[in-house]
């Protein structure tokens, strides 16, 4: 069973399982560094959703992340961190 990145709560880590290539913005998401197998930490879960991507904070509109699937079983992880958002 899968869920989508825009549904992950603040402070959780998710591993990207799939980006829907039929989605018009999938190439842009990939160009920004999102790809299958990448672990990202959700820093804020509002709109925009801010994630830690390759050590950089990046904000995405919630609707852009509706086509990025992550396994439900993986979303319970948290990264030890001292960062503040």
PDB file of N, CA and C in Angstrom:
ATOM      1  N   UNK A   1       0.846  -1.187   0.000  1.00  0.00           N
ATOM      2  CA  UNK A   1       0.000   0.000   0.000  1.00  0.00           C
ATOM      3  C   UNK A   1       0.885   1.241   0.000  1.00  0.00           C
ATOM      4  N   UNK A   2       0.458   2.255  -0.739  1.00  0.00           N
ATOM      5  CA  UNK A   2       1.228   3.487  -0.850  1.00  0.00           C
ATOM      6  C   UNK A   2       0.392   4.692  -0.438  1.00  0.00           C
ATOM      7  N   UNK A   3       1.085   5.752  -0.118  1.00  0.00           N
ATOM      8  CA  UNK A   3       0.463   7.044   0.122  1.00  0.00           C
ATOM      9  C   UNK A   3       1.249   8.049  -0.706  1.00  0.00           C
ATOM     10  N   UNK A   4       0.945   9.321  -0.563  1.00  0.00           N
ATOM     11  CA  UNK A   4       1.600  10.328  -1.380  1.00  0.00           C
ATOM     12  C   UNK A   4       2.344  11.325  -0.504  1.00  0.00           C
ATOM     13  N   UNK A   5       3.373  11.916  -1.071  1.00  0.00           N
ATOM     14  CA  UNK A   5       4.278  12.764  -0.297  1.00  0.00           C
ATOM     15  C   UNK A   5       3.562  13.937   0.356  1.00  0.00           C
ATOM     16  N   UNK A   6       2.540  14.484  -0.270  1.00  0.00           N
ATOM     17  CA  UNK A   6       1.830  15.623   0.328  1.00  0.00           C
ATOM     18  C   UNK A   6       1.037  15.220   1.585  1.00  0.00           C
ATOM     19  N   UNK A   7       0.898  13.913   1.838  1.00  0.00           N
ATOM     20  CA  UNK A   7       0.149  13.433   3.004  1.00  0.00           C
ATOM     21  C   UNK A   7       1.042  13.100   4.202  1.00  0.00           C
ATOM     22  N   UNK A   8       2.345  13.218   4.051  1.00  0.00           N
ATOM     23  CA  UNK A   8       3.271  12.873   5.121  1.00  0.00           C
ATOM     24  C   UNK A   8       3.359  14.037   6.111  1.00  0.00           C
ATOM     25  N   UNK A   9       3.393  13.716   7.391  1.00  0.00           N
ATOM     26  CA  UNK A   9       3.394  14.741   8.431  1.00  0.00           C
ATOM     27  C   UNK A   9       4.792  15.282   8.722  1.00  0.00           C
ATOM     28  N   UNK A  10       4.814  16.473   9.249  1.00  0.00           N
ATOM     29  CA  UNK A  10       6.047  17.159   9.636  1.00  0.00           C
ATOM     30  C   UNK A  10       6.913  16.261  10.524  1.00  0.00           C
ATOM     31  N   UNK A  11       8.212  16.252  10.235  1.00  0.00           N
ATOM     32  CA  UNK A  11       9.161  15.496  11.032  1.00  0.00           C
ATOM     33  C   UNK A  11       9.364  14.062  10.582  1.00  0.00           C
ATOM     34  N   UNK A  12       8.564  13.614   9.624  1.00  0.00           N
ATOM     35  CA  UNK A  12       8.682  12.238   9.131  1.00  0.00           C
ATOM     36  C   UNK A  12       9.604  12.188   7.919  1.00  0.00           C
ATOM     37  N   UNK A  13      10.162  11.002   7.715  1.00  0.00           N
ATOM     38  CA  UNK A  13      11.023  10.745   6.567  1.00  0.00           C
ATOM     39  C   UNK A  13      10.293   9.777   5.653  1.00  0.00           C
ATOM     40  N   UNK A  14      10.378  10.035   4.358  1.00  0.00           N
ATOM     41  CA  UNK A  14       9.739   9.151   3.393  1.00  0.00           C
ATOM     42  C   UNK A  14      10.706   8.858   2.258  1.00  0.00           C
ATOM     43  N   UNK A  15      10.616   7.653   1.747  1.00  0.00           N
ATOM     44  CA  UNK A  15      11.428   7.254   0.604  1.00  0.00           C
ATOM     45  C   UNK A  15      10.536   7.285  -0.626  1.00  0.00           C
ATOM     46  N   UNK A  16      10.952   8.034  -1.640  1.00  0.00           N
ATOM     47  CA  UNK A  16      10.138   8.165  -2.841  1.00  0.00           C
ATOM     48  C   UNK A  16      10.115   6.843  -3.588  1.00  0.00           C
ATOM     49  N   UNK A  17       8.910   6.355  -3.833  1.00  0.00           N
ATOM     50  CA  UNK A  17       8.714   5.087  -4.517  1.00  0.00           C
ATOM     51  C   UNK A  17       8.506   5.302  -6.016  1.00  0.00           C
ATOM     52  N   UNK A  18       7.698   6.316  -6.362  1.00  0.00           N
ATOM     53  CA  UNK A  18       7.348   6.506  -7.764  1.00  0.00           C
ATOM     54  C   UNK A  18       6.889   7.945  -8.000  1.00  0.00           C
ATOM     55  N   UNK A  19       7.257   8.494  -9.140  1.00  0.00           N
ATOM     56  CA  UNK A  19       6.727   9.778  -9.606  1.00  0.00           C
ATOM     57  C   UNK A  19       5.966   9.482 -10.891  1.00  0.00           C
ATOM     58  N   UNK A  20       4.711   9.837 -10.923  1.00  0.00           N
ATOM     59  CA  UNK A  20       3.850   9.543 -12.072  1.00  0.00           C
ATOM     60  C   UNK A  20       4.312  10.344 -13.294  1.00  0.00           C
ATOM     61  N   UNK A  21       4.862   9.653 -14.289  1.00  0.00           N
ATOM     62  CA  UNK A  21       5.376  10.333 -15.484  1.00  0.00           C
ATOM     63  C   UNK A  21       4.271  10.914 -16.363  1.00  0.00           C
ATOM     64  N   UNK A  22       3.029  10.504 -16.151  1.00  0.00           N
ATOM     65  CA  UNK A  22       1.908  11.088 -16.882  1.00  0.00           C
ATOM     66  C   UNK A  22       1.569  12.489 -16.356  1.00  0.00           C
ATOM     67  N   UNK A  23       2.061  12.810 -15.174  1.00  0.00           N
ATOM     68  CA  UNK A  23       1.836  14.116 -14.556  1.00  0.00           C
ATOM     69  C   UNK A  23       2.651  15.167 -15.321  1.00  0.00           C
ATOM     70  N   UNK A  24       2.036  16.268 -15.745  1.00  0.00           N
ATOM     71  CA  UNK A  24       2.736  17.259 -16.554  1.00  0.00           C
ATOM     72  C   UNK A  24       3.998  17.855 -15.906  1.00  0.00           C
ATOM     73  N   UNK A  25       4.058  17.870 -14.581  1.00  0.00           N
ATOM     74  CA  UNK A  25       5.197  18.487 -13.897  1.00  0.00           C
ATOM     75  C   UNK A  25       6.245  17.470 -13.434  1.00  0.00           C
ATOM     76  N   UNK A  26       6.117  16.213 -13.854  1.00  0.00           N
ATOM     77  CA  UNK A  26       7.048  15.190 -13.382  1.00  0.00           C
ATOM     78  C   UNK A  26       8.491  15.488 -13.794  1.00  0.00           C
ATOM     79  N   UNK A  27       8.702  16.003 -14.990  1.00  0.00           N
ATOM     80  CA  UNK A  27      10.071  16.339 -15.429  1.00  0.00           C
ATOM     81  C   UNK A  27      10.657  17.449 -14.564  1.00  0.00           C
ATOM     82  N   UNK A  28       9.836  18.413 -14.206  1.00  0.00           N
ATOM     83  CA  UNK A  28      10.306  19.519 -13.357  1.00  0.00           C
ATOM     84  C   UNK A  28      10.663  19.008 -11.961  1.00  0.00           C
ATOM     85  N   UNK A  29       9.838  18.128 -11.406  1.00  0.00           N
ATOM     86  CA  UNK A  29      10.137  17.560 -10.090  1.00  0.00           C
ATOM     87  C   UNK A  29      11.464  16.798 -10.123  1.00  0.00           C
ATOM     88  N   UNK A  30      11.680  16.042 -11.193  1.00  0.00           N
ATOM     89  CA  UNK A  30      12.943  15.310 -11.339  1.00  0.00           C
ATOM     90  C   UNK A  30      14.129  16.262 -11.498  1.00  0.00           C
ATOM     91  N   UNK A  31      13.922  17.330 -12.245  1.00  0.00           N
ATOM     92  CA  UNK A  31      14.993  18.316 -12.442  1.00  0.00           C
ATOM     93  C   UNK A  31      15.373  19.002 -11.130  1.00  0.00           C
ATOM     94  N   UNK A  32      14.409  19.110 -10.217  1.00  0.00           N
ATOM     95  CA  UNK A  32      14.680  19.704  -8.911  1.00  0.00           C
ATOM     96  C   UNK A  32      15.322  18.722  -7.934  1.00  0.00           C
ATOM     97  N   UNK A  33      15.463  17.454  -8.349  1.00  0.00           N
ATOM     98  CA  UNK A  33      16.174  16.488  -7.522  1.00  0.00           C
ATOM     99  C   UNK A  33      15.341  15.373  -6.934  1.00  0.00           C
ATOM    100  N   UNK A  34      14.019  15.384  -7.144  1.00  0.00           N
ATOM    101  CA  UNK A  34      13.190  14.289  -6.651  1.00  0.00           C
ATOM    102  C   UNK A  34      13.335  13.095  -7.586  1.00  0.00           C
ATOM    103  N   UNK A  35      13.582  11.927  -7.030  1.00  0.00           N
ATOM    104  CA  UNK A  35      13.674  10.722  -7.839  1.00  0.00           C
ATOM    105  C   UNK A  35      13.391   9.506  -6.968  1.00  0.00           C
ATOM    106  N   UNK A  36      13.088   8.406  -7.623  1.00  0.00           N
ATOM    107  CA  UNK A  36      12.785   7.166  -6.931  1.00  0.00           C
ATOM    108  C   UNK A  36      13.979   6.731  -6.077  1.00  0.00           C
ATOM    109  N   UNK A  37      13.701   6.296  -4.861  1.00  0.00           N
ATOM    110  CA  UNK A  37      14.736   5.832  -3.950  1.00  0.00           C
ATOM    111  C   UNK A  37      15.284   6.903  -3.023  1.00  0.00           C
ATOM    112  N   UNK A  38      14.972   8.161  -3.285  1.00  0.00           N
ATOM    113  CA  UNK A  38      15.461   9.267  -2.461  1.00  0.00           C
ATOM    114  C   UNK A  38      14.692   9.349  -1.152  1.00  0.00           C
ATOM    115  N   UNK A  39      15.400   9.521  -0.043  1.00  0.00           N
ATOM    116  CA  UNK A  39      14.761   9.750   1.255  1.00  0.00           C
ATOM    117  C   UNK A  39      14.688  11.255   1.497  1.00  0.00           C
ATOM    118  N   UNK A  40      13.517  11.739   1.832  1.00  0.00           N
ATOM    119  CA  UNK A  40      13.321  13.160   2.122  1.00  0.00           C
ATOM    120  C   UNK A  40      12.660  13.297   3.482  1.00  0.00           C
ATOM    121  N   UNK A  41      12.997  14.368   4.164  1.00  0.00           N
ATOM    122  CA  UNK A  41      12.364  14.680   5.446  1.00  0.00           C
ATOM    123  C   UNK A  41      11.361  15.796   5.221  1.00  0.00           C
ATOM    124  N   UNK A  42      10.156  15.624   5.740  1.00  0.00           N
ATOM    125  CA  UNK A  42       9.125  16.651   5.632  1.00  0.00           C
ATOM    126  C   UNK A  42       9.326  17.634   6.781  1.00  0.00           C
ATOM    127  N   UNK A  43       9.600  18.891   6.432  1.00  0.00           N
ATOM    128  CA  UNK A  43       9.859  19.915   7.446  1.00  0.00           C
ATOM    129  C   UNK A  43       8.590  20.663   7.829  1.00  0.00           C
ATOM    130  N   UNK A  44       7.705  20.914   6.871  1.00  0.00           N
ATOM    131  CA  UNK A  44       6.375  21.469   7.153  1.00  0.00           C
ATOM    132  C   UNK A  44       5.374  20.731   6.285  1.00  0.00           C
ATOM    133  N   UNK A  45       4.184  20.532   6.812  1.00  0.00           N
ATOM    134  CA  UNK A  45       3.184  19.767   6.063  1.00  0.00           C
ATOM    135  C   UNK A  45       1.974  20.607   5.685  1.00  0.00           C
ATOM    136  N   UNK A  46       2.178  21.892   5.504  1.00  0.00           N
ATOM    137  CA  UNK A  46       1.089  22.773   5.084  1.00  0.00           C
ATOM    138  C   UNK A  46       1.104  22.962   3.582  1.00  0.00           C
ATOM    139  N   UNK A  47       0.878  24.184   3.154  1.00  0.00           N
ATOM    140  CA  UNK A  47       0.970  24.535   1.746  1.00  0.00           C
ATOM    141  C   UNK A  47       1.684  25.871   1.661  1.00  0.00           C
ATOM    142  N   UNK A  48       2.935  25.868   1.266  1.00  0.00           N
ATOM    143  CA  UNK A  48       3.668  24.784   0.618  1.00  0.00           C
ATOM    144  C   UNK A  48       4.179  23.742   1.605  1.00  0.00           C
ATOM    145  N   UNK A  49       4.466  22.552   1.065  1.00  0.00           N
ATOM    146  CA  UNK A  49       5.129  21.494   1.813  1.00  0.00           C
ATOM    147  C   UNK A  49       6.627  21.737   1.659  1.00  0.00           C
ATOM    148  N   UNK A  50       7.321  21.879   2.765  1.00  0.00           N
ATOM    149  CA  UNK A  50       8.766  22.095   2.705  1.00  0.00           C
ATOM    150  C   UNK A  50       9.450  20.796   3.097  1.00  0.00           C
ATOM    151  N   UNK A  51      10.364  20.357   2.223  1.00  0.00           N
ATOM    152  CA  UNK A  51      11.093  19.124   2.483  1.00  0.00           C
ATOM    153  C   UNK A  51      12.588  19.403   2.451  1.00  0.00           C
ATOM    154  N   UNK A  52      13.329  18.540   3.121  1.00  0.00           N
ATOM    155  CA  UNK A  52      14.785  18.605   3.071  1.00  0.00           C
ATOM    156  C   UNK A  52      15.206  17.678   1.942  1.00  0.00           C
ATOM    157  N   UNK A  53      15.789  18.272   0.904  1.00  0.00           N
ATOM    158  CA  UNK A  53      16.153  17.562  -0.308  1.00  0.00           C
ATOM    159  C   UNK A  53      17.633  17.771  -0.564  1.00  0.00           C
ATOM    160  N   UNK A  54      18.422  16.731  -0.393  1.00  0.00           N
ATOM    161  CA  UNK A  54      19.887  16.812  -0.568  1.00  0.00           C
ATOM    162  C   UNK A  54      20.494  17.892   0.334  1.00  0.00           C
ATOM    163  N   UNK A  55      19.967  18.018   1.559  1.00  0.00           N
ATOM    164  CA  UNK A  55      20.492  18.979   2.518  1.00  0.00           C
ATOM    165  C   UNK A  55      19.987  20.395   2.342  1.00  0.00           C
ATOM    166  N   UNK A  56      19.072  20.619   1.422  1.00  0.00           N
ATOM    167  CA  UNK A  56      18.525  21.948   1.152  1.00  0.00           C
ATOM    168  C   UNK A  56      17.018  21.943   1.373  1.00  0.00           C
ATOM    169  N   UNK A  57      16.499  23.011   1.955  1.00  0.00           N
ATOM    170  CA  UNK A  57      15.050  23.139   2.139  1.00  0.00           C
ATOM    171  C   UNK A  57      14.426  23.599   0.828  1.00  0.00           C
ATOM    172  N   UNK A  58      13.431  22.849   0.382  1.00  0.00           N
ATOM    173  CA  UNK A  58      12.746  23.168  -0.867  1.00  0.00           C
ATOM    174  C   UNK A  58      11.250  23.122  -0.606  1.00  0.00           C
ATOM    175  N   UNK A  59      10.540  24.141  -1.066  1.00  0.00           N
ATOM    176  CA  UNK A  59       9.095  24.202  -0.899  1.00  0.00           C
ATOM    177  C   UNK A  59       8.375  23.813  -2.178  1.00  0.00           C
ATOM    178  N   UNK A  60       7.331  23.013  -2.033  1.00  0.00           N
ATOM    179  CA  UNK A  60       6.521  22.572  -3.158  1.00  0.00           C
ATOM    180  C   UNK A  60       5.052  22.828  -2.840  1.00  0.00           C
ATOM    181  N   UNK A  61       4.291  23.255  -3.838  1.00  0.00           N
ATOM    182  CA  UNK A  61       2.839  23.315  -3.660  1.00  0.00           C
ATOM    183  C   UNK A  61       2.338  21.901  -3.387  1.00  0.00           C
ATOM    184  N   UNK A  62       1.350  21.776  -2.536  1.00  0.00           N
ATOM    185  CA  UNK A  62       0.810  20.451  -2.179  1.00  0.00           C
ATOM    186  C   UNK A  62       0.370  19.668  -3.415  1.00  0.00           C
ATOM    187  N   UNK A  63      -0.265  20.356  -4.365  1.00  0.00           N
ATOM    188  CA  UNK A  63      -0.782  19.644  -5.535  1.00  0.00           C
ATOM    189  C   UNK A  63       0.332  19.049  -6.402  1.00  0.00           C
ATOM    190  N   UNK A  64       1.540  19.600  -6.347  1.00  0.00           N
ATOM    191  CA  UNK A  64       2.653  19.033  -7.109  1.00  0.00           C
ATOM    192  C   UNK A  64       3.120  17.706  -6.523  1.00  0.00           C
ATOM    193  N   UNK A  65       2.919  17.521  -5.238  1.00  0.00           N
ATOM    194  CA  UNK A  65       3.377  16.295  -4.583  1.00  0.00           C
ATOM    195  C   UNK A  65       2.314  15.199  -4.547  1.00  0.00           C
ATOM    196  N   UNK A  66       1.138  15.470  -5.120  1.00  0.00           N
ATOM    197  CA  UNK A  66       0.063  14.481  -5.149  1.00  0.00           C
ATOM    198  C   UNK A  66       0.384  13.293  -6.044  1.00  0.00           C
ATOM    199  N   UNK A  67       1.374  13.424  -6.906  1.00  0.00           N
ATOM    200  CA  UNK A  67       1.733  12.347  -7.835  1.00  0.00           C
ATOM    201  C   UNK A  67       3.054  11.681  -7.458  1.00  0.00           C
ATOM    202  N   UNK A  68       3.556  11.979  -6.253  1.00  0.00           N
ATOM    203  CA  UNK A  68       4.800  11.381  -5.761  1.00  0.00           C
ATOM    204  C   UNK A  68       4.414  10.374  -4.682  1.00  0.00           C
ATOM    205  N   UNK A  69       4.528   9.087  -5.004  1.00  0.00           N
ATOM    206  CA  UNK A  69       4.090   8.072  -4.045  1.00  0.00           C
ATOM    207  C   UNK A  69       5.243   7.582  -3.178  1.00  0.00           C
ATOM    208  N   UNK A  70       4.885   7.259  -1.949  1.00  0.00           N
ATOM    209  CA  UNK A  70       5.825   6.733  -0.964  1.00  0.00           C
ATOM    210  C   UNK A  70       5.148   5.548  -0.277  1.00  0.00           C
ATOM    211  N   UNK A  71       5.929   4.527   0.133  1.00  0.00           N
ATOM    212  CA  UNK A  71       5.311   3.389   0.832  1.00  0.00           C
ATOM    213  C   UNK A  71       4.830   3.799   2.222  1.00  0.00           C
ATOM    214  N   UNK A  72       3.642   3.370   2.592  1.00  0.00           N
ATOM    215  CA  UNK A  72       3.088   3.687   3.908  1.00  0.00           C
ATOM    216  C   UNK A  72       4.000   3.160   5.008  1.00  0.00           C
ATOM    217  N   UNK A  73       4.532   1.984   4.835  1.00  0.00           N
ATOM    218  CA  UNK A  73       5.347   1.373   5.883  1.00  0.00           C
ATOM    219  C   UNK A  73       6.642   2.120   6.145  1.00  0.00           C
ATOM    220  N   UNK A  74       7.048   2.988   5.240  1.00  0.00           N
ATOM    221  CA  UNK A  74       8.317   3.689   5.373  1.00  0.00           C
ATOM    222  C   UNK A  74       8.158   5.030   6.078  1.00  0.00           C
ATOM    223  N   UNK A  75       6.964   5.549   6.194  1.00  0.00           N
ATOM    224  CA  UNK A  75       6.753   6.909   6.661  1.00  0.00           C
ATOM    225  C   UNK A  75       6.824   7.064   8.172  1.00  0.00           C
ATOM    226  N   UNK A  76       7.101   6.002   8.906  1.00  0.00           N
ATOM    227  CA  UNK A  76       7.187   6.108  10.360  1.00  0.00           C
ATOM    228  C   UNK A  76       8.566   6.557  10.822  1.00  0.00           C
ATOM    229  N   UNK A  77       9.516   6.575   9.913  1.00  0.00           N
ATOM    230  CA  UNK A  77      10.885   6.905  10.297  1.00  0.00           C
ATOM    231  C   UNK A  77      11.062   8.388  10.574  1.00  0.00           C
ATOM    232  N   UNK A  78      11.961   8.707  11.463  1.00  0.00           N
ATOM    233  CA  UNK A  78      12.342  10.101  11.697  1.00  0.00           C
ATOM    234  C   UNK A  78      13.863  10.174  11.690  1.00  0.00           C
ATOM    235  N   UNK A  79      14.376  11.265  11.212  1.00  0.00           N
ATOM    236  CA  UNK A  79      15.823  11.479  11.213  1.00  0.00           C
ATOM    237  C   UNK A  79      16.215  12.215  12.470  1.00  0.00           C
ATOM    238  N   UNK A  80      17.279  11.797  13.133  1.00  0.00           N
ATOM    239  CA  UNK A  80      17.758  12.596  14.268  1.00  0.00           C
ATOM    240  C   UNK A  80      18.290  13.914  13.734  1.00  0.00           C
ATOM    241  N   UNK A  81      17.814  15.011  14.292  1.00  0.00           N
ATOM    242  CA  UNK A  81      18.200  16.311  13.766  1.00  0.00           C
ATOM    243  C   UNK A  81      18.174  17.366  14.848  1.00  0.00           C
ATOM    244  N   UNK A  82      18.973  18.372  14.681  1.00  0.00           N
ATOM    245  CA  UNK A  82      18.971  19.527  15.562  1.00  0.00           C
ATOM    246  C   UNK A  82      18.525  20.778  14.823  1.00  0.00           C
ATOM    247  N   UNK A  83      18.050  20.583  13.568  1.00  0.00           N
ATOM    248  CA  UNK A  83      17.629  21.714  12.750  1.00  0.00           C
ATOM    249  C   UNK A  83      16.331  22.286  13.275  1.00  0.00           C
ATOM    250  N   UNK A  84      16.189  23.574  13.059  1.00  0.00           N
ATOM    251  CA  UNK A  84      14.919  24.238  13.339  1.00  0.00           C
ATOM    252  C   UNK A  84      14.417  24.831  12.052  1.00  0.00           C
ATOM    253  N   UNK A  85      13.130  24.773  11.836  1.00  0.00           N
ATOM    254  CA  UNK A  85      12.539  25.336  10.623  1.00  0.00           C
ATOM    255  C   UNK A  85      12.026  26.719  10.911  1.00  0.00           C
TER     256      UNK A  85
END
